[in-house]
């Protein structure tokens, strides 16, 4: 790790530890909002298409996608578990699972999957990737963030994707 990267990681860790209140305004991504720390920078959300939003923070990258996808099985108690398990298998394929949770969020109890994995990055080193998937009835919105595999990197990406929630 370079001295610049180490210094940036320390700065990011300090900001997270202090509960930085320098957050930007929430970003609208359809029926969901994304709240990020002001350290994440990038252009405005795309009007349509994918990716919907790209932000960076030092060595971290965050991408938000939105796709029309019927998630009816996630909304039916008889098929929910099997459907969520299949989605999770896709998230974990080829990676080491660090964390995996299911929950419901928002006034409509939207099904959510949160996953954190360790994998080989595009440049050959290991990286940590956190993903949050919101499974609306007819729409899927996902936030995925990747950073170098360090404690600060993991905290950075998990905090970023946790900012995605249904309205």
Foldseek 3Di string as FASTA:
>chain_A
DDPVLVVQLVVLVVCVVVVPPQKDDWADDDQKTFTDHPQWDDDHADPDDPQRDWTDHRQKIKTKRKDFAAPQLCVDPVRNVVSVVVVVCVVCPQWAWDDWDWFFDDPVRWIKIWTWTWHQDPVGAIKIKIKIWTNDRGMIMMMMMIGHPDPSRRSNRSVRRVRMGGD
